[in-house]
Amino acid sequence: MADTESKPPEEECVVSSEAAQDESADMEEIDASPEAGPSGDTPAAVAEAKQGAIASQLMQNPGLLAALQGQLGSMLGASSGYIESLPKVVKRRIKALKKLQFEMLKMESKFYEEVHVLECKYAEKYAPLFERRRDIVTASIEPTDSDCEWPSDEEEEEGGGGEDGELADELKNKAKITEITEGEQGEKEGEKDKEAENVKGVPGFWLTIFKNVDMLADMVQEHDEPILNHLQDVKVKFSQSDPMGFTLEFFFEPNEYFSSTVLTKHYIMRSEPSESEPFSFEGPEIIKCKGCSIDWKKGKNVTVKQIKKKQKHKGRGTTRMVTKTVQNDSFFNFFSPPEAPENEEEEADEDTETLLATDFEIGHFIRERVVPRAVLYFTGEALEDDDEFEEEGEEENEEDGDEDDEEHDPDFNPQVD
């Protein structure tokens, strides 16, 4: 049996590192060789050929690739040492600049407070328009002919334009007259018209909106839909101060599921820099939220479900069926959010932070987008605008990629060209 000499872990690491350096040196020798690209190639072509050779060698040597990835990972975001190397007198001036920056943030905070006051003022001006929208949706009023004077895409496509449009309308009218020659067909169309006339308001207005918006559609379950068909209006109520915030109000008509007529979700906002991280301030942010209790009627609570489990007795070995009540996925869990820590300096656990961040995003989106532009989310037009906005944002992020690489470069020095 041959003797084997074991190496300490430290020595193995050294050997592995030396091997990686040797392989890297071999690669450099290959790169430096004049045979890396065909004679007569342009410098760009030669450089491209070299890059291809390096990539090929890295793929053939997983150990070297892992070593390089580890080194690059440790360098990402590391300080270049430039700031630390500055003279004390310069560091002192940087402190003065930071203090000025903090004063700017305080002024920016005042700006956002005044914007919120203006928002509260205009909320009162919007109120009559939102009330009229609710009345049309719920069939409390029928819009007048002047109210309905608004061009639609369907009418523009059907009407065409100019003489060609008039001719097309004439031909369509003749075709309709020809089609309605049989008595049965005429009767059927008459029945359909009568049924259409009996439709009140805009059926499923808010349910359609919620199902059209991705982040809300994920919340709406099949058993929520019959309940949301009773939703008549969603409003935003602003609180100007003490503390700054807003409340989402969901108005329901009488239904068989719960006796509550209004469900609320209150959001508390902060518009000034935090004491612990003042330079992270980017404007008002939601810091807390509070839901409400729902007075569910017996057997109608969709936020819970009953499951049956087998329980085994440890001593006797006998089993029995036990019924347990557990939480069920539902849109109406939105009104029972997790509690944020009372002290802002305290950190919630990771799951709670994730749930709260998602909740804050949904609340902000309903306030900023859904309620003001409800009809456009109903028709889907606002969804197209949102998609275009996201695409523009993605393009900007791609352009910013080069700048991020420069910021994370540990050798970056602004004094060196």
Foldseek 3Di string as FASTA:
>chain_A
DDDDDDDPPVVVVVVLVVVLVVVVVVLVVCLPDPVLDDPPDDPVVSVVSSVVVVVVVCVVPVSSVVVVVVVVVVLFQDALCPLVPDDPVVVVVVVVVVVVVQVVQQVVLVVQLVVLVVVQVCLVVCVVVQVVLLCQQQQVDPDDPVRPPDDDPVCCVQQPDDPVSVVSVVVVVVVVVVVPPDPVVVVVVVVVVVVVVPDGHNFCQVVLLLCLDVLSVVQADPLCSVQSRQWRAWDKAFDSPPNGWIKIWTAGDDDQFFPDGIWMKIWTKDRAADPVCRVVDDGIATDWMATDDTGTDPPRDQQKDKDWDWDADPPPRDIDIDIDIDTDRHSVCLRVQDGDDPDPVDDDDPVNVVRVVSSRVVVVCCVPPCRVPSVCSSVVNVVVVVVVVVVVVVVVVVVCVVVSVLSRRSNRDVVPD
